[in-house]
Amino acid sequence: MRLRRRQAGPDPQVVRTWAVCSALLDYPTEELLASLDDLAALVPGHPHLAPLLDHLRHTPLARLQQDYVATFDHTRKCALYLTYFAFGDTRRRGAALVEFKDAYRRGGVEWDDSLGELPDHLCAVLQFGATVDADIARSLLLDHRAGVEMLRLALTGWRNDDGSTGSPWAAALVALCDTLPELAGAEADAVRRLVEQGPPAEEVGLAGYAADPALASGPALISSAAIPVGAPR
């Protein structure tokens, strides 16, 4: 995806962390592996991201891709789509997706539906925050904080084939959560409910919600990352 860079930004360390997390949570490609040194230079010695960068360096690409799909495409609890945790595949999710598009528009860019990605994908939100408007991105993350934390818990508790616990990608969620306020009160309660009950389960599909006539014009485009996964199933 390509975004118009904003001239002014908030905490530079937060912006760099979001940029690196966005890249590392994307589907692994040759291009990603070739960029690892540049990504590492943005967050030198980061206690969580440095080990993930090393894992990506030393694991064959085919294995990374296989593990990524098994983690993020084949399990609902590890969905990278933020509205899924709050609304599941219910009618209310369609309205929430439009809210993400509206948020991008407030930042001066337009979401590009042509590549088939949904605007609530965590990688897109983080890249938007790192390159366009961190305040709007932070608001989106906080609005869906329970989902972010649920994803962190799911990845942290991931069971690997060798019997160990913890997905390598959990490091990116831990790093992201470290840039957000500590959970308390209603947010902590929302996370507990998600753990106990999971997202709503009404299956309605999303065709019909992606079309938004108001998106026909705009000064810039957000194009989706090349992530060959669909909505969680």
Protein backbone atom coordinates (compact mmCIF):
# COMPACT_ATOMS: atom_id res chain seq x y z
CA MET A 1 0.00 0.00 0.00
CA ARG A 2 1.16 3.56 -0.66
CA LEU A 3 0.18 6.46 1.52
CA ARG A 4 0.83 10.18 1.44
CA ARG A 5 3.31 11.01 4.18
CA ARG A 6 2.26 13.59 6.71
CA GLN A 7 4.78 16.32 7.46
CA ALA A 8 4.20 16.51 11.20
CA GLY A 9 3.97 13.54 13.51
CA PRO A 10 3.82 12.51 17.16
CA ASP A 11 6.37 10.50 19.15
CA PRO A 12 8.94 9.36 16.57
CA GLN A 13 9.61 6.11 18.42
CA VAL A 14 5.93 5.19 18.35
CA VAL A 15 5.75 5.98 14.64
CA ARG A 16 8.80 3.82 13.91
CA THR A 17 7.42 0.98 15.99
CA TRP A 18 4.09 1.09 14.17
CA ALA A 19 5.83 1.17 10.79
CA VAL A 20 7.93 -1.89 11.64
CA CYS A 21 4.99 -3.79 13.14
CA SER A 22 2.94 -3.07 10.03
CA ALA A 23 5.64 -4.56 7.82
CA LEU A 24 6.35 -7.58 10.03
CA LEU A 25 2.67 -8.51 10.37
CA ASP A 26 2.26 -8.53 6.61
CA TYR A 27 2.46 -11.74 4.59
CA PRO A 28 6.14 -12.74 4.27
CA THR A 29 7.67 -12.10 0.84
CA GLU A 30 11.11 -11.82 -0.68
CA GLU A 31 10.69 -8.05 -0.54
CA LEU A 32 10.00 -8.16 3.19
CA LEU A 33 13.07 -10.31 3.84
CA ALA A 34 15.21 -7.95 1.76
CA SER A 35 14.03 -5.01 3.90
CA LEU A 36 14.77 -6.53 7.31
CA ASP A 37 18.01 -4.60 7.85
CA ASP A 38 16.23 -1.33 7.08
CA LEU A 39 13.42 -2.24 9.46
CA ALA A 40 15.90 -3.19 12.18
CA ALA A 41 17.58 0.20 11.78
CA LEU A 42 14.28 1.91 12.65
CA VAL A 43 14.03 0.10 16.01
CA PRO A 44 17.61 -0.83 16.95
CA GLY A 45 17.80 -3.30 19.79
CA HIS A 46 14.05 -3.30 20.39
CA PRO A 47 13.44 -5.96 23.08
CA HIS A 48 10.46 -7.49 21.27
CA LEU A 49 10.99 -6.71 17.59
CA ALA A 50 14.68 -7.65 17.39
CA PRO A 51 13.96 -11.36 18.11
CA LEU A 52 11.14 -11.36 15.53
CA LEU A 53 13.46 -9.81 12.96
CA ASP A 54 16.03 -12.52 13.69
CA HIS A 55 13.37 -15.22 13.32
CA LEU A 56 12.40 -13.87 9.90
CA ARG A 57 16.07 -13.72 8.86
CA HIS A 58 16.82 -17.31 9.80
CA THR A 59 13.63 -19.10 8.72
CA PRO A 60 13.14 -20.21 5.09
CA LEU A 61 10.58 -18.10 3.27
CA ALA A 62 8.36 -21.06 2.40
CA ARG A 63 8.14 -22.02 6.07
CA LEU A 64 7.37 -18.43 7.09
CA GLN A 65 4.55 -18.28 4.57
CA GLN A 66 3.15 -21.62 5.68
CA ASP A 67 3.24 -20.58 9.35
CA TYR A 68 1.72 -17.19 8.57
CA VAL A 69 -1.26 -18.65 6.75
CA ALA A 70 -1.79 -21.29 9.45
CA THR A 71 -1.75 -18.56 12.09
CA PHE A 72 -3.69 -15.69 10.57
CA ASP A 73 -5.86 -17.26 7.88
CA HIS A 74 -6.95 -20.53 9.43
CA THR A 75 -7.88 -19.36 12.93
CA ARG A 76 -10.54 -16.87 13.95
CA LYS A 77 -8.81 -16.01 17.23
CA CYS A 78 -5.79 -14.63 15.35
CA ALA A 79 -7.71 -12.45 12.91
CA LEU A 80 -5.85 -9.31 11.82
CA TYR A 81 -9.17 -7.56 11.14
CA LEU A 82 -9.99 -5.31 14.08
CA THR A 83 -13.77 -5.12 13.63
CA TYR A 84 -14.04 -8.91 13.61
CA PHE A 85 -13.38 -9.13 17.33
CA ALA A 86 -16.14 -6.66 18.19
CA PHE A 87 -18.75 -7.68 15.63
CA GLY A 88 -17.83 -11.04 14.12
CA ASP A 89 -19.46 -11.50 10.71
CA THR A 90 -22.63 -9.63 11.67
CA ARG A 91 -24.46 -6.76 10.01
CA ARG A 92 -23.00 -4.28 12.48
CA ARG A 93 -19.54 -5.03 11.13
CA GLY A 94 -20.39 -3.43 7.80
CA ALA A 95 -21.06 -0.07 9.44
CA ALA A 96 -17.82 -0.38 11.41
CA LEU A 97 -15.85 -0.92 8.21
CA VAL A 98 -17.32 2.25 6.73
CA GLU A 99 -16.18 4.09 9.87
CA PHE A 100 -12.61 3.02 9.12
CA LYS A 101 -12.91 4.44 5.60
CA ASP A 102 -14.30 7.67 7.03
CA ALA A 103 -11.36 7.86 9.43
CA TYR A 104 -8.87 7.50 6.58
CA ARG A 105 -10.73 10.20 4.68
CA ARG A 106 -10.37 12.56 7.65
CA GLY A 107 -6.64 12.03 7.33
CA GLY A 108 -6.78 13.17 3.71
CA VAL A 109 -6.59 9.81 1.94
CA GLU A 110 -9.06 7.35 0.44
CA TRP A 111 -9.23 3.61 0.88
CA ASP A 112 -8.80 1.66 -2.37
CA ASP A 113 -11.25 -1.26 -2.49
CA SER A 114 -9.99 -2.51 -5.85
CA LEU A 115 -7.41 -4.90 -4.37
CA GLY A 116 -9.96 -6.64 -2.20
CA GLU A 117 -8.60 -5.91 1.29
CA LEU A 118 -10.70 -4.64 4.20
CA PRO A 119 -9.90 -1.24 5.76
CA ASP A 120 -9.74 -2.58 9.33
CA HIS A 121 -6.69 -4.77 8.64
CA LEU A 122 -4.19 -4.06 11.42
CA CYS A 123 -1.30 -3.62 8.98
CA ALA A 124 -3.23 -0.90 7.14
CA VAL A 125 -4.15 0.93 10.35
CA LEU A 126 -0.53 0.89 11.54
CA GLN A 127 0.83 2.06 8.22
CA PHE A 128 -1.74 4.82 8.11
CA GLY A 129 -0.63 5.88 11.58
CA ALA A 130 3.05 5.73 10.68
CA THR A 131 2.81 7.66 7.43
CA VAL A 132 -0.37 9.75 7.40
CA ASP A 133 -2.06 10.55 10.72
CA ALA A 134 -0.97 8.93 13.98
CA ASP A 135 -3.72 10.58 16.03
CA ILE A 136 -6.51 9.12 13.91
CA ALA A 137 -4.82 5.71 13.85
CA ARG A 138 -4.41 5.76 17.61
CA SER A 139 -8.11 6.53 17.98
CA LEU A 140 -8.97 3.53 15.80
CA LEU A 141 -6.66 1.30 17.81
CA LEU A 142 -8.13 2.49 21.10
CA ASP A 143 -11.69 2.06 19.82
CA HIS A 144 -10.79 -1.56 19.07
CA ARG A 145 -8.38 -2.05 21.95
CA ALA A 146 -10.12 -5.20 23.16
CA GLY A 147 -9.53 -6.80 19.76
CA VAL A 148 -5.88 -5.78 19.75
CA GLU A 149 -5.41 -7.31 23.18
CA MET A 150 -7.31 -10.45 22.20
CA LEU A 151 -4.98 -10.89 19.25
CA ARG A 152 -1.98 -10.39 21.52
CA LEU A 153 -3.26 -13.02 23.95
CA ALA A 154 -4.02 -15.47 21.14
CA LEU A 155 -0.55 -15.12 19.62
CA THR A 156 1.19 -15.23 22.99
CA GLY A 157 -0.62 -18.47 23.83
CA TRP A 158 -0.18 -20.00 20.37
CA ARG A 159 0.82 -23.68 20.51
CA ASN A 160 3.67 -24.52 18.12
CA ASP A 161 4.23 -27.91 16.49
CA ASP A 162 7.24 -28.55 18.71
CA GLY A 163 5.16 -28.11 21.86
CA SER A 164 6.45 -24.65 22.69
CA THR A 165 4.12 -21.74 23.35
CA GLY A 166 4.06 -18.37 21.61
CA SER A 167 3.86 -17.36 17.96
CA PRO A 168 6.88 -15.44 16.67
CA TRP A 169 4.43 -12.74 15.55
CA ALA A 170 3.29 -12.23 19.14
CA ALA A 171 6.32 -9.96 19.51
CA ALA A 172 4.80 -7.41 17.13
CA LEU A 173 1.57 -7.30 19.14
CA VAL A 174 3.45 -6.91 22.41
CA ALA A 175 5.46 -4.06 20.86
CA LEU A 176 2.28 -2.43 19.60
CA CYS A 177 0.50 -2.73 22.96
CA ASP A 178 3.51 -1.13 24.65
CA THR A 179 2.76 2.04 22.64
CA LEU A 180 -0.84 2.18 23.94
CA PRO A 181 -2.18 3.13 27.39
CA GLU A 182 -2.42 0.38 29.98
CA LEU A 183 -5.71 -1.50 29.98
CA ALA A 184 -8.12 -0.70 32.79
CA GLY A 185 -11.79 -0.66 33.67
CA ALA A 186 -14.24 -1.24 30.84
CA GLU A 187 -11.49 -2.10 28.35
CA ALA A 188 -10.14 -4.85 30.57
CA ASP A 189 -13.70 -6.14 31.04
CA ALA A 190 -14.20 -6.18 27.25
CA VAL A 191 -11.08 -8.29 26.81
CA ARG A 192 -12.30 -10.75 29.43
CA ARG A 193 -15.66 -11.04 27.63
CA LEU A 194 -13.93 -11.71 24.32
CA VAL A 195 -11.80 -14.43 25.88
CA GLU A 196 -14.87 -16.04 27.45
CA GLN A 197 -17.42 -15.62 24.66
CA GLY A 198 -15.58 -14.86 21.44
CA PRO A 199 -16.92 -12.53 18.70
CA PRO A 200 -20.60 -12.55 17.67
CA ALA A 201 -21.34 -15.47 15.36
CA GLU A 202 -24.17 -14.30 13.07
CA GLU A 203 -22.93 -15.18 9.58
CA VAL A 204 -24.14 -12.66 7.02
CA GLY A 205 -21.18 -12.04 4.74
CA LEU A 206 -19.77 -8.63 3.80
CA ALA A 207 -20.71 -8.21 0.15
CA GLY A 208 -22.72 -4.99 0.01
CA TYR A 209 -20.86 -3.26 2.79
CA ALA A 210 -17.68 -2.63 0.81
CA ALA A 211 -19.44 -0.33 -1.65
CA ASP A 212 -19.32 3.23 -0.40
CA PRO A 213 -20.29 5.85 -3.04
CA ALA A 214 -18.62 8.57 -0.97
CA LEU A 215 -15.24 7.00 -1.77
CA ALA A 216 -15.36 7.90 -5.44
CA SER A 217 -12.95 10.82 -5.12
CA GLY A 218 -10.08 11.93 -2.94
CA PRO A 219 -6.56 13.37 -2.97
CA ALA A 220 -4.66 10.14 -2.39
CA LEU A 221 -5.06 6.37 -2.26
CA ILE A 222 -4.47 3.72 0.35
CA SER A 223 -3.89 0.52 -1.55
CA SER A 224 -4.01 -2.77 0.29
CA ALA A 225 -0.91 -4.75 1.09
CA ALA A 226 -0.45 -7.98 -0.85
CA ILE A 227 -1.88 -10.22 1.85
CA PRO A 228 -3.30 -13.40 0.27
CA VAL A 229 -5.75 -14.10 3.07
CA GLY A 230 -9.44 -13.46 3.28
CA ALA A 231 -11.83 -12.78 6.12
CA PRO A 232 -11.32 -15.14 9.04
CA ARG A 233 -13.07 -18.45 8.67
